[in-house]
Amino acid sequence: MMCVICKTGATQPGTATVTLEREGATVVIKGVPARVCTNCGEEYVEESVTAHLLKTAEEAVRAGVQVDVRTYAAA
């Protein structure tokens, strides 16, 4: 797929670090599977992975976490 940001790079499989903030909590998830632009580095995360990330962040907020750093684990 061509990058929609720089319009010149192609994407290839890789990983990303995603930071989510909600209600005073910050959740950082490393090693998230993504497609990464070879030119500008823009990261694209699939919808199913995003849903899993949001669920993980919501669980952290409910647990009262303020800062949490995790490694991605597929559902």
PDB file of N, CA and C in Angstrom:
ATOM      1  N   MET A   1       0.845  -1.173   0.000  1.00  0.00           N
ATOM      2  CA  MET A   1       0.000   0.000   0.000  1.00  0.00           C
ATOM      3  C   MET A   1       0.893   1.239   0.000  1.00  0.00           C
ATOM      4  N   MET A   2       0.474   2.262  -0.688  1.00  0.00           N
ATOM      5  CA  MET A   2       1.205   3.528  -0.698  1.00  0.00           C
ATOM      6  C   MET A   2       0.814   4.349   0.539  1.00  0.00           C
ATOM      7  N   CYS A   3       1.755   5.076   1.052  1.00  0.00           N
ATOM      8  CA  CYS A   3       1.530   5.912   2.231  1.00  0.00           C
ATOM      9  C   CYS A   3       0.617   7.086   1.868  1.00  0.00           C
ATOM     10  N   VAL A   4      -0.418   7.303   2.667  1.00  0.00           N
ATOM     11  CA  VAL A   4      -1.326   8.418   2.405  1.00  0.00           C
ATOM     12  C   VAL A   4      -0.783   9.738   2.939  1.00  0.00           C
ATOM     13  N   ILE A   5       0.276   9.685   3.733  1.00  0.00           N
ATOM     14  CA  ILE A   5       0.865  10.911   4.280  1.00  0.00           C
ATOM     15  C   ILE A   5       1.875  11.510   3.309  1.00  0.00           C
ATOM     16  N   CYS A   6       2.917  10.735   2.943  1.00  0.00           N
ATOM     17  CA  CYS A   6       3.966  11.289   2.077  1.00  0.00           C
ATOM     18  C   CYS A   6       3.702  11.018   0.596  1.00  0.00           C
ATOM     19  N   LYS A   7       2.824  10.088   0.311  1.00  0.00           N
ATOM     20  CA  LYS A   7       2.408   9.746  -1.056  1.00  0.00           C
ATOM     21  C   LYS A   7       3.520   9.172  -1.937  1.00  0.00           C
ATOM     22  N   THR A   8       4.688   8.885  -1.347  1.00  0.00           N
ATOM     23  CA  THR A   8       5.768   8.323  -2.160  1.00  0.00           C
ATOM     24  C   THR A   8       6.275   6.989  -1.638  1.00  0.00           C
ATOM     25  N   GLY A   9       6.137   6.745  -0.355  1.00  0.00           N
ATOM     26  CA  GLY A   9       6.647   5.516   0.236  1.00  0.00           C
ATOM     27  C   GLY A   9       5.643   4.388   0.202  1.00  0.00           C
ATOM     28  N   ALA A  10       6.151   3.194   0.178  1.00  0.00           N
ATOM     29  CA  ALA A  10       5.312   2.001   0.292  1.00  0.00           C
ATOM     30  C   ALA A  10       5.395   1.521   1.741  1.00  0.00           C
ATOM     31  N   THR A  11       4.364   0.819   2.177  1.00  0.00           N
ATOM     32  CA  THR A  11       4.391   0.299   3.539  1.00  0.00           C
ATOM     33  C   THR A  11       4.840  -1.155   3.544  1.00  0.00           C
ATOM     34  N   GLN A  12       5.455  -1.534   4.646  1.00  0.00           N
ATOM     35  CA  GLN A  12       5.873  -2.921   4.813  1.00  0.00           C
ATOM     36  C   GLN A  12       5.581  -3.335   6.252  1.00  0.00           C
ATOM     37  N   PRO A  13       5.482  -4.643   6.500  1.00  0.00           N
ATOM     38  CA  PRO A  13       5.191  -5.093   7.861  1.00  0.00           C
ATOM     39  C   PRO A  13       6.279  -4.648   8.840  1.00  0.00           C
ATOM     40  N   GLY A  14       5.850  -4.255  10.018  1.00  0.00           N
ATOM     41  CA  GLY A  14       6.775  -3.842  11.060  1.00  0.00           C
ATOM     42  C   GLY A  14       6.050  -3.754  12.383  1.00  0.00           C
ATOM     43  N   THR A  15       6.598  -2.989  13.299  1.00  0.00           N
ATOM     44  CA  THR A  15       5.961  -2.783  14.601  1.00  0.00           C
ATOM     45  C   THR A  15       5.965  -1.310  14.951  1.00  0.00           C
ATOM     46  N   ALA A  16       5.082  -0.968  15.879  1.00  0.00           N
ATOM     47  CA  ALA A  16       4.943   0.414  16.319  1.00  0.00           C
ATOM     48  C   ALA A  16       4.843   0.446  17.838  1.00  0.00           C
ATOM     49  N   THR A  17       5.090   1.606  18.395  1.00  0.00           N
ATOM     50  CA  THR A  17       4.818   1.866  19.801  1.00  0.00           C
ATOM     51  C   THR A  17       3.638   2.823  19.833  1.00  0.00           C
ATOM     52  N   VAL A  18       2.578   2.415  20.524  1.00  0.00           N
ATOM     53  CA  VAL A  18       1.343   3.199  20.568  1.00  0.00           C
ATOM     54  C   VAL A  18       1.158   3.741  21.980  1.00  0.00           C
ATOM     55  N   THR A  19       0.885   5.039  22.078  1.00  0.00           N
ATOM     56  CA  THR A  19       0.614   5.679  23.361  1.00  0.00           C
ATOM     57  C   THR A  19      -0.837   6.136  23.383  1.00  0.00           C
ATOM     58  N   LEU A  20      -1.564   5.690  24.392  1.00  0.00           N
ATOM     59  CA  LEU A  20      -2.970   6.063  24.547  1.00  0.00           C
ATOM     60  C   LEU A  20      -3.136   6.782  25.875  1.00  0.00           C
ATOM     61  N   GLU A  21      -3.891   7.882  25.868  1.00  0.00           N
ATOM     62  CA  GLU A  21      -4.162   8.633  27.079  1.00  0.00           C
ATOM     63  C   GLU A  21      -5.660   8.763  27.254  1.00  0.00           C
ATOM     64  N   ARG A  22      -6.102   8.537  28.516  1.00  0.00           N
ATOM     65  CA  ARG A  22      -7.529   8.644  28.792  1.00  0.00           C
ATOM     66  C   ARG A  22      -7.726   8.835  30.288  1.00  0.00           C
ATOM     67  N   GLU A  23      -8.541   9.812  30.638  1.00  0.00           N
ATOM     68  CA  GLU A  23      -8.919  10.053  32.033  1.00  0.00           C
ATOM     69  C   GLU A  23      -7.717  10.048  32.984  1.00  0.00           C
ATOM     70  N   GLY A  24      -6.634  10.688  32.599  1.00  0.00           N
ATOM     71  CA  GLY A  24      -5.460  10.791  33.439  1.00  0.00           C
ATOM     72  C   GLY A  24      -4.525   9.593  33.400  1.00  0.00           C
ATOM     73  N   ALA A  25      -4.879   8.579  32.623  1.00  0.00           N
ATOM     74  CA  ALA A  25      -4.031   7.388  32.492  1.00  0.00           C
ATOM     75  C   ALA A  25      -3.284   7.445  31.171  1.00  0.00           C
ATOM     76  N   THR A  26      -2.034   6.991  31.196  1.00  0.00           N
ATOM     77  CA  THR A  26      -1.230   6.876  29.979  1.00  0.00           C
ATOM     78  C   THR A  26      -0.792   5.426  29.855  1.00  0.00           C
ATOM     79  N   VAL A  27      -1.143   4.815  28.719  1.00  0.00           N
ATOM     80  CA  VAL A  27      -0.783   3.424  28.458  1.00  0.00           C
ATOM     81  C   VAL A  27       0.086   3.398  27.207  1.00  0.00           C
ATOM     82  N   VAL A  28       1.289   2.847  27.334  1.00  0.00           N
ATOM     83  CA  VAL A  28       2.217   2.717  26.217  1.00  0.00           C
ATOM     84  C   VAL A  28       2.318   1.229  25.891  1.00  0.00           C
ATOM     85  N   ILE A  29       2.073   0.898  24.629  1.00  0.00           N
ATOM     86  CA  ILE A  29       2.131  -0.495  24.205  1.00  0.00           C
ATOM     87  C   ILE A  29       3.179  -0.606  23.102  1.00  0.00           C
ATOM     88  N   LYS A  30       4.207  -1.414  23.365  1.00  0.00           N
ATOM     89  CA  LYS A  30       5.316  -1.589  22.424  1.00  0.00           C
ATOM     90  C   LYS A  30       5.118  -2.851  21.597  1.00  0.00           C
ATOM     91  N   GLY A  31       5.725  -2.889  20.432  1.00  0.00           N
ATOM     92  CA  GLY A  31       5.696  -4.088  19.598  1.00  0.00           C
ATOM     93  C   GLY A  31       4.356  -4.349  18.943  1.00  0.00           C
ATOM     94  N   VAL A  32       3.596  -3.302  18.674  1.00  0.00           N
ATOM     95  CA  VAL A  32       2.284  -3.446  18.046  1.00  0.00           C
ATOM     96  C   VAL A  32       2.484  -3.721  16.556  1.00  0.00           C
ATOM     97  N   PRO A  33       1.868  -4.783  16.016  1.00  0.00           N
ATOM     98  CA  PRO A  33       2.016  -5.054  14.588  1.00  0.00           C
ATOM     99  C   PRO A  33       1.404  -3.925  13.756  1.00  0.00           C
ATOM    100  N   ALA A  34       2.143  -3.471  12.771  1.00  0.00           N
ATOM    101  CA  ALA A  34       1.695  -2.347  11.946  1.00  0.00           C
ATOM    102  C   ALA A  34       2.329  -2.440  10.567  1.00  0.00           C
ATOM    103  N   ARG A  35       1.815  -1.643   9.657  1.00  0.00           N
ATOM    104  CA  ARG A  35       2.462  -1.436   8.362  1.00  0.00           C
ATOM    105  C   ARG A  35       3.164  -0.088   8.494  1.00  0.00           C
ATOM    106  N   VAL A  36       4.432  -0.032   8.120  1.00  0.00           N
ATOM    107  CA  VAL A  36       5.243   1.168   8.320  1.00  0.00           C
ATOM    108  C   VAL A  36       5.745   1.667   6.970  1.00  0.00           C
ATOM    109  N   CYS A  37       5.602   2.961   6.730  1.00  0.00           N
ATOM    110  CA  CYS A  37       6.068   3.567   5.481  1.00  0.00           C
ATOM    111  C   CYS A  37       7.595   3.548   5.437  1.00  0.00           C
ATOM    112  N   THR A  38       8.135   3.107   4.316  1.00  0.00           N
ATOM    113  CA  THR A  38       9.586   3.045   4.151  1.00  0.00           C
ATOM    114  C   THR A  38      10.199   4.432   3.939  1.00  0.00           C
ATOM    115  N   ASN A  39       9.381   5.428   3.608  1.00  0.00           N
ATOM    116  CA  ASN A  39       9.890   6.767   3.350  1.00  0.00           C
ATOM    117  C   ASN A  39       9.789   7.674   4.578  1.00  0.00           C
ATOM    118  N   CYS A  40       8.590   7.804   5.142  1.00  0.00           N
ATOM    119  CA  CYS A  40       8.393   8.768   6.231  1.00  0.00           C
ATOM    120  C   CYS A  40       8.202   8.131   7.605  1.00  0.00           C
ATOM    121  N   GLY A  41       7.999   6.815   7.659  1.00  0.00           N
ATOM    122  CA  GLY A  41       7.855   6.137   8.946  1.00  0.00           C
ATOM    123  C   GLY A  41       6.446   6.130   9.513  1.00  0.00           C
ATOM    124  N   GLU A  42       5.483   6.673   8.773  1.00  0.00           N
ATOM    125  CA  GLU A  42       4.088   6.649   9.239  1.00  0.00           C
ATOM    126  C   GLU A  42       3.669   5.205   9.507  1.00  0.00           C
ATOM    127  N   GLU A  43       2.928   5.007  10.611  1.00  0.00           N
ATOM    128  CA  GLU A  43       2.528   3.667  11.016  1.00  0.00           C
ATOM    129  C   GLU A  43       1.020   3.489  10.848  1.00  0.00           C
ATOM    130  N   TYR A  44       0.637   2.343  10.295  1.00  0.00           N
ATOM    131  CA  TYR A  44      -0.770   2.016  10.074  1.00  0.00           C
ATOM    132  C   TYR A  44      -1.094   0.744  10.840  1.00  0.00           C
ATOM    133  N   VAL A  45      -2.064   0.829  11.747  1.00  0.00           N
ATOM    134  CA  VAL A  45      -2.451  -0.307  12.583  1.00  0.00           C
ATOM    135  C   VAL A  45      -3.824  -0.788  12.117  1.00  0.00           C
ATOM    136  N   GLU A  46      -3.974  -2.102  11.947  1.00  0.00           N
ATOM    137  CA  GLU A  46      -5.244  -2.665  11.492  1.00  0.00           C
ATOM    138  C   GLU A  46      -6.348  -2.427  12.524  1.00  0.00           C
ATOM    139  N   GLU A  47      -7.576  -2.413  12.042  1.00  0.00           N
ATOM    140  CA  GLU A  47      -8.736  -2.139  12.882  1.00  0.00           C
ATOM    141  C   GLU A  47      -8.866  -3.140  14.037  1.00  0.00           C
ATOM    142  N   SER A  48      -8.639  -4.411  13.773  1.00  0.00           N
ATOM    143  CA  SER A  48      -8.769  -5.423  14.835  1.00  0.00           C
ATOM    144  C   SER A  48      -7.709  -5.222  15.918  1.00  0.00           C
ATOM    145  N   VAL A  49      -6.506  -4.822  15.522  1.00  0.00           N
ATOM    146  CA  VAL A  49      -5.436  -4.554  16.492  1.00  0.00           C
ATOM    147  C   VAL A  49      -5.793  -3.310  17.302  1.00  0.00           C
ATOM    148  N   THR A  50      -6.319  -2.299  16.636  1.00  0.00           N
ATOM    149  CA  THR A  50      -6.729  -1.070  17.322  1.00  0.00           C
ATOM    150  C   THR A  50      -7.799  -1.361  18.363  1.00  0.00           C
ATOM    151  N   ALA A  51      -8.773  -2.194  18.015  1.00  0.00           N
ATOM    152  CA  ALA A  51      -9.827  -2.561  18.970  1.00  0.00           C
ATOM    153  C   ALA A  51      -9.222  -3.224  20.202  1.00  0.00           C
ATOM    154  N   HIS A  52      -8.248  -4.084  19.991  1.00  0.00           N
ATOM    155  CA  HIS A  52      -7.580  -4.760  21.113  1.00  0.00           C
ATOM    156  C   HIS A  52      -6.816  -3.749  21.976  1.00  0.00           C
ATOM    157  N   LEU A  53      -6.150  -2.782  21.347  1.00  0.00           N
ATOM    158  CA  LEU A  53      -5.417  -1.756  22.086  1.00  0.00           C
ATOM    159  C   LEU A  53      -6.357  -0.908  22.941  1.00  0.00           C
ATOM    160  N   LEU A  54      -7.483  -0.533  22.374  1.00  0.00           N
ATOM    161  CA  LEU A  54      -8.453   0.282  23.113  1.00  0.00           C
ATOM    162  C   LEU A  54      -9.030  -0.481  24.297  1.00  0.00           C
ATOM    163  N   LYS A  55      -9.278  -1.764  24.111  1.00  0.00           N
ATOM    164  CA  LYS A  55      -9.786  -2.600  25.207  1.00  0.00           C
ATOM    165  C   LYS A  55      -8.744  -2.683  26.319  1.00  0.00           C
ATOM    166  N   THR A  56      -7.489  -2.870  25.948  1.00  0.00           N
ATOM    167  CA  THR A  56      -6.403  -2.939  26.927  1.00  0.00           C
ATOM    168  C   THR A  56      -6.305  -1.630  27.714  1.00  0.00           C
ATOM    169  N   ALA A  57      -6.398  -0.509  27.022  1.00  0.00           N
ATOM    170  CA  ALA A  57      -6.320   0.799  27.683  1.00  0.00           C
ATOM    171  C   ALA A  57      -7.512   1.007  28.615  1.00  0.00           C
ATOM    172  N   GLU A  58      -8.688   0.612  28.190  1.00  0.00           N
ATOM    173  CA  GLU A  58      -9.884   0.751  29.027  1.00  0.00           C
ATOM    174  C   GLU A  58      -9.748  -0.063  30.314  1.00  0.00           C
ATOM    175  N   GLU A  59      -9.194  -1.266  30.217  1.00  0.00           N
ATOM    176  CA  GLU A  59      -8.976  -2.099  31.405  1.00  0.00           C
ATOM    177  C   GLU A  59      -7.991  -1.433  32.356  1.00  0.00           C
ATOM    178  N   ALA A  60      -6.965  -0.796  31.816  1.00  0.00           N
ATOM    179  CA  ALA A  60      -5.981  -0.100  32.649  1.00  0.00           C
ATOM    180  C   ALA A  60      -6.622   1.077  33.375  1.00  0.00           C
ATOM    181  N   VAL A  61      -7.476   1.823  32.687  1.00  0.00           N
ATOM    182  CA  VAL A  61      -8.160   2.965  33.293  1.00  0.00           C
ATOM    183  C   VAL A  61      -9.049   2.483  34.443  1.00  0.00           C
ATOM    184  N   ARG A  62      -9.798   1.410  34.204  1.00  0.00           N
ATOM    185  CA  ARG A  62     -10.678   0.869  35.247  1.00  0.00           C
ATOM    186  C   ARG A  62      -9.889   0.367  36.459  1.00  0.00           C
ATOM    187  N   ALA A  63      -8.667  -0.096  36.227  1.00  0.00           N
ATOM    188  CA  ALA A  63      -7.826  -0.599  37.317  1.00  0.00           C
ATOM    189  C   ALA A  63      -7.142   0.537  38.082  1.00  0.00           C
ATOM    190  N   GLY A  64      -7.309   1.774  37.617  1.00  0.00           N
ATOM    191  CA  GLY A  64      -6.734   2.920  38.304  1.00  0.00           C
ATOM    192  C   GLY A  64      -5.278   3.205  37.958  1.00  0.00           C
ATOM    193  N   VAL A  65      -4.816   2.652  36.853  1.00  0.00           N
ATOM    194  CA  VAL A  65      -3.430   2.852  36.436  1.00  0.00           C
ATOM    195  C   VAL A  65      -3.225   4.301  35.987  1.00  0.00           C
ATOM    196  N   GLN A  66      -2.089   4.885  36.369  1.00  0.00           N
ATOM    197  CA  GLN A  66      -1.753   6.218  35.888  1.00  0.00           C
ATOM    198  C   GLN A  66      -0.799   6.139  34.707  1.00  0.00           C
ATOM    199  N   VAL A  67       0.230   5.296  34.807  1.00  0.00           N
ATOM    200  CA  VAL A  67       1.185   5.085  33.720  1.00  0.00           C
ATOM    201  C   VAL A  67       1.455   3.590  33.635  1.00  0.00           C
ATOM    202  N   ASP A  68       1.364   3.056  32.421  1.00  0.00           N
ATOM    203  CA  ASP A  68       1.578   1.627  32.225  1.00  0.00           C
ATOM    204  C   ASP A  68       2.311   1.426  30.893  1.00  0.00           C
ATOM    205  N   VAL A  69       3.371   0.617  30.912  1.00  0.00           N
ATOM    206  CA  VAL A  69       4.103   0.288  29.695  1.00  0.00           C
ATOM    207  C   VAL A  69       4.014  -1.214  29.520  1.00  0.00           C
ATOM    208  N   ARG A  70       3.516  -1.644  28.348  1.00  0.00           N
ATOM    209  CA  ARG A  70       3.309  -3.062  28.083  1.00  0.00           C
ATOM    210  C   ARG A  70       3.892  -3.435  26.735  1.00  0.00           C
ATOM    211  N   THR A  71       4.070  -4.747  26.551  1.00  0.00           N
ATOM    212  CA  THR A  71       4.419  -5.300  25.246  1.00  0.00           C
ATOM    213  C   THR A  71       3.154  -5.894  24.665  1.00  0.00           C
ATOM    214  N   TYR A  72       2.911  -5.653  23.393  1.00  0.00           N
ATOM    215  CA  TYR A  72       1.694  -6.143  22.733  1.00  0.00           C
ATOM    216  C   TYR A  72       1.596  -7.658  22.819  1.00  0.00           C
ATOM    217  N   ALA A  73       0.416  -8.119  23.190  1.00  0.00           N
ATOM    218  CA  ALA A  73       0.110  -9.546  23.197  1.00  0.00           C
ATOM    219  C   ALA A  73      -1.204  -9.722  22.451  1.00  0.00           C
ATOM    220  N   ALA A  74      -1.191 -10.494  21.383  1.00  0.00           N
ATOM    221  CA  ALA A  74      -2.395 -10.694  20.570  1.00  0.00           C
ATOM    222  C   ALA A  74      -3.505 -11.307  21.417  1.00  0.00           C
ATOM    223  N   ALA A  75      -4.716 -10.944  21.077  1.00  0.00           N
ATOM    224  CA  ALA A  75      -5.891 -11.450  21.814  1.00  0.00           C
ATOM    225  C   ALA A  75      -6.108 -12.921  21.581  1.00  0.00           C
TER     226      ALA A  75
END
